[in-house]
Amino acid sequence: MPEHLQLDLALITLLFALPVWHASAHEESCQNQNSLTYLEGVGRTDGEGIERTWSVLNPIAWATKEMVKGGPEGTPRAFYGY
């Protein structure tokens, strides 16, 4: 990758937090300390975007259960139209 497009990883800080809907499965003290709801700078995200993707993919799960090698990877791509 060209150097001007590369990120300086020393300047990046990763923070981990509980997605809003899943936070309720944790103890209240954990929720208060780690929920996206209270994390400064997060904005109004709920952190559940990947869950919405899984909900769309669930109907095709049956089609990939007993496929030969390579089949399960191609089915979601075909489903999404890639």
Protein backbone atom coordinates (compact mmCIF):
# COMPACT_ATOMS: atom_id res chain seq x y z
CA MET A 1 0.00 0.00 0.00
CA PRO A 2 1.38 3.46 -0.80
CA GLU A 3 2.89 5.10 2.24
CA HIS A 4 0.59 8.11 2.07
CA LEU A 5 -2.42 5.78 2.50
CA GLN A 6 -0.98 3.86 5.44
CA LEU A 7 -2.10 4.52 8.99
CA ASP A 8 0.45 5.15 11.70
CA LEU A 9 -0.68 2.47 14.15
CA ALA A 10 1.22 4.15 16.97
CA LEU A 11 -1.30 7.00 16.77
CA ILE A 12 -4.39 4.77 16.99
CA THR A 13 -6.09 3.85 20.25
CA LEU A 14 -8.62 1.02 20.17
CA LEU A 15 -11.38 1.06 22.73
CA PHE A 16 -13.66 -1.88 23.41
CA ALA A 17 -17.21 -1.40 24.61
CA LEU A 18 -20.53 -3.19 24.97
CA PRO A 19 -23.01 -2.76 22.14
CA VAL A 20 -26.18 -1.13 23.46
CA TRP A 21 -28.58 -4.06 23.04
CA HIS A 22 -26.10 -6.65 24.35
CA ALA A 23 -25.12 -4.53 27.37
CA SER A 24 -28.24 -5.67 29.23
CA ALA A 25 -26.74 -9.18 29.47
CA HIS A 26 -23.98 -7.77 31.71
CA GLU A 27 -24.08 -6.71 35.34
CA GLU A 28 -25.09 -3.10 35.95
CA SER A 29 -21.61 -2.08 37.08
CA CYS A 30 -20.17 -3.49 33.85
CA GLN A 31 -22.85 -1.75 31.78
CA ASN A 32 -22.16 1.62 33.37
CA GLN A 33 -18.43 1.32 32.81
CA ASN A 34 -18.39 -0.22 29.32
CA SER A 35 -21.58 0.60 27.42
CA LEU A 36 -21.35 2.56 24.16
CA THR A 37 -24.13 4.70 25.60
CA TYR A 38 -21.70 6.30 28.03
CA LEU A 39 -18.44 6.22 26.04
CA GLU A 40 -17.21 9.71 25.24
CA GLY A 41 -16.88 10.49 21.54
CA VAL A 42 -18.97 7.56 20.29
CA GLY A 43 -21.93 9.60 19.14
CA ARG A 44 -25.25 7.86 18.59
CA THR A 45 -24.13 4.45 17.38
CA ASP A 46 -25.55 1.33 18.98
CA GLY A 47 -22.70 -0.95 17.90
CA GLU A 48 -25.12 -3.60 16.65
CA GLY A 49 -24.48 -3.21 12.92
CA ILE A 50 -23.05 -6.71 12.52
CA GLU A 51 -26.16 -8.15 14.17
CA ARG A 52 -28.32 -6.62 11.46
CA THR A 53 -26.12 -8.34 8.87
CA TRP A 54 -26.49 -11.71 10.60
CA SER A 55 -30.26 -11.34 10.70
CA VAL A 56 -30.27 -11.03 6.91
CA LEU A 57 -27.89 -13.97 6.46
CA ASN A 58 -29.72 -16.37 8.81
CA PRO A 59 -32.20 -17.52 6.12
CA ILE A 60 -29.35 -18.83 3.94
CA ALA A 61 -27.57 -20.68 6.77
CA TRP A 62 -29.36 -23.93 5.89
CA ALA A 63 -27.97 -23.74 2.37
CA THR A 64 -24.36 -23.76 3.53
CA LYS A 65 -24.47 -26.52 6.15
CA GLU A 66 -23.39 -29.48 4.04
CA MET A 67 -21.59 -27.85 1.15
CA VAL A 68 -18.30 -28.99 -0.29
CA LYS A 69 -15.18 -26.91 0.29
CA GLY A 70 -15.59 -23.46 -1.23
CA GLY A 71 -19.36 -23.53 -1.34
CA PRO A 72 -20.13 -21.86 1.99
CA GLU A 73 -17.90 -18.89 1.14
CA GLY A 74 -19.55 -18.23 -2.21
CA THR A 75 -23.16 -18.48 -1.10
CA PRO A 76 -23.27 -15.26 0.97
CA ARG A 77 -21.52 -13.41 -1.86
CA ALA A 78 -24.14 -14.67 -4.30
CA PHE A 79 -26.92 -13.79 -1.87
CA TYR A 80 -25.65 -10.22 -1.55
CA GLY A 81 -25.01 -9.95 -5.28
CA TYR A 82 -21.23 -9.43 -5.19
